[in-house]
Amino acid sequence: MDSSEFIGLTKRTAQDKAEAKNAIFRLIRIDDRAFFDYPLPDDVRTDRVCVEIENGAVVKAAVQ
């Protein structure tokens, strides 16, 4: 899975894309609101996409 394909998508569209790929969708940050103490999880997985959203669009995504 290529994380760059999530850049620019809305939260809902990114969630739908992750679900279609049988991947876990993890929201890391929306604007100034962080959802986790650490930006990315410690464990490494190939079926999880972690995203950061600004102004309604994904600006950063990582398969992690």
C-alpha atoms as a PDB file:
ATOM      1  CA  MET A   1       0.000   0.000   0.000  1.00  0.00           C
ATOM      2  CA  ASP A   2       1.337   3.389  -1.006  1.00  0.00           C
ATOM      3  CA  SER A   3       0.684   6.068   1.619  1.00  0.00           C
ATOM      4  CA  SER A   4       0.877   8.865  -0.969  1.00  0.00           C
ATOM      5  CA  GLU A   5      -2.489   7.803  -2.426  1.00  0.00           C
ATOM      6  CA  PHE A   6      -4.160   9.136   0.755  1.00  0.00           C
ATOM      7  CA  ILE A   7      -2.737  12.672   0.462  1.00  0.00           C
ATOM      8  CA  GLY A   8      -5.407  15.252  -0.346  1.00  0.00           C
ATOM      9  CA  LEU A   9      -8.357  13.004   0.524  1.00  0.00           C
ATOM     10  CA  THR A  10     -11.021  13.898   3.056  1.00  0.00           C
ATOM     11  CA  LYS A  11     -11.162  11.902   6.283  1.00  0.00           C
ATOM     12  CA  ARG A  12     -14.181   9.883   5.103  1.00  0.00           C
ATOM     13  CA  THR A  13     -12.651   9.121   1.700  1.00  0.00           C
ATOM     14  CA  ALA A  14      -9.352   8.097   3.301  1.00  0.00           C
ATOM     15  CA  GLN A  15     -11.207   5.831   5.747  1.00  0.00           C
ATOM     16  CA  ASP A  16     -13.155   4.262   2.879  1.00  0.00           C
ATOM     17  CA  LYS A  17      -9.951   3.710   0.884  1.00  0.00           C
ATOM     18  CA  ALA A  18      -8.254   2.053   3.869  1.00  0.00           C
ATOM     19  CA  GLU A  19     -11.287  -0.161   4.439  1.00  0.00           C
ATOM     20  CA  ALA A  20     -11.336  -1.184   0.766  1.00  0.00           C
ATOM     21  CA  LYS A  21      -7.704  -2.273   1.166  1.00  0.00           C
ATOM     22  CA  ASN A  22      -8.507  -4.161   4.399  1.00  0.00           C
ATOM     23  CA  ALA A  23      -6.227  -1.765   6.249  1.00  0.00           C
ATOM     24  CA  ILE A  24      -6.503  -0.209   9.682  1.00  0.00           C
ATOM     25  CA  PHE A  25      -7.151   3.537   9.591  1.00  0.00           C
ATOM     26  CA  ARG A  26      -5.484   5.465  12.406  1.00  0.00           C
ATOM     27  CA  LEU A  27      -6.148   9.146  12.818  1.00  0.00           C
ATOM     28  CA  ILE A  28      -3.073  10.788  14.324  1.00  0.00           C
ATOM     29  CA  ARG A  29      -4.038  14.464  14.176  1.00  0.00           C
ATOM     30  CA  ILE A  30      -6.732  16.841  12.941  1.00  0.00           C
ATOM     31  CA  ASP A  31      -5.468  20.408  12.726  1.00  0.00           C
ATOM     32  CA  ASP A  32      -4.110  21.172  16.231  1.00  0.00           C
ATOM     33  CA  ARG A  33      -5.813  18.240  17.962  1.00  0.00           C
ATOM     34  CA  ALA A  34      -3.541  15.211  18.430  1.00  0.00           C
ATOM     35  CA  PHE A  35      -5.157  11.864  19.155  1.00  0.00           C
ATOM     36  CA  PHE A  36      -2.032  10.081  20.440  1.00  0.00           C
ATOM     37  CA  ASP A  37       0.879  11.099  22.666  1.00  0.00           C
ATOM     38  CA  TYR A  38       3.358   9.811  20.075  1.00  0.00           C
ATOM     39  CA  PRO A  39       2.836  10.649  16.411  1.00  0.00           C
ATOM     40  CA  LEU A  40       3.197   7.072  15.148  1.00  0.00           C
ATOM     41  CA  PRO A  41       2.756   3.677  16.816  1.00  0.00           C
ATOM     42  CA  ASP A  42       5.838   1.767  17.946  1.00  0.00           C
ATOM     43  CA  ASP A  43       4.886  -1.472  16.231  1.00  0.00           C
ATOM     44  CA  VAL A  44       5.346  -1.737  12.483  1.00  0.00           C
ATOM     45  CA  ARG A  45       2.537  -3.114  10.333  1.00  0.00           C
ATOM     46  CA  THR A  46       1.922  -3.151   6.603  1.00  0.00           C
ATOM     47  CA  ASP A  47      -1.863  -3.037   6.994  1.00  0.00           C
ATOM     48  CA  ARG A  48      -2.260   0.232   8.896  1.00  0.00           C
ATOM     49  CA  VAL A  49      -2.293   3.765   7.530  1.00  0.00           C
ATOM     50  CA  CYS A  50      -1.726   6.654   9.943  1.00  0.00           C
ATOM     51  CA  VAL A  51      -2.950  10.038   8.762  1.00  0.00           C
ATOM     52  CA  GLU A  52      -2.761  13.679   9.743  1.00  0.00           C
ATOM     53  CA  ILE A  53      -5.449  16.079   8.542  1.00  0.00           C
ATOM     54  CA  GLU A  54      -5.367  19.846   8.116  1.00  0.00           C
ATOM     55  CA  ASN A  55      -8.236  21.980   6.823  1.00  0.00           C
ATOM     56  CA  GLY A  56     -10.277  18.876   5.985  1.00  0.00           C
ATOM     57  CA  ALA A  57      -7.680  17.047   3.883  1.00  0.00           C
ATOM     58  CA  VAL A  58      -5.006  14.441   4.576  1.00  0.00           C
ATOM     59  CA  VAL A  59      -1.627  16.197   4.518  1.00  0.00           C
ATOM     60  CA  LYS A  60       0.534  13.376   5.852  1.00  0.00           C
ATOM     61  CA  ALA A  61       0.105   9.621   5.669  1.00  0.00           C
ATOM     62  CA  ALA A  62       2.328   6.701   6.599  1.00  0.00           C
ATOM     63  CA  VAL A  63       1.918   2.959   6.308  1.00  0.00           C
ATOM     64  CA  GLN A  64       3.027   1.960   9.762  1.00  0.00           C
END
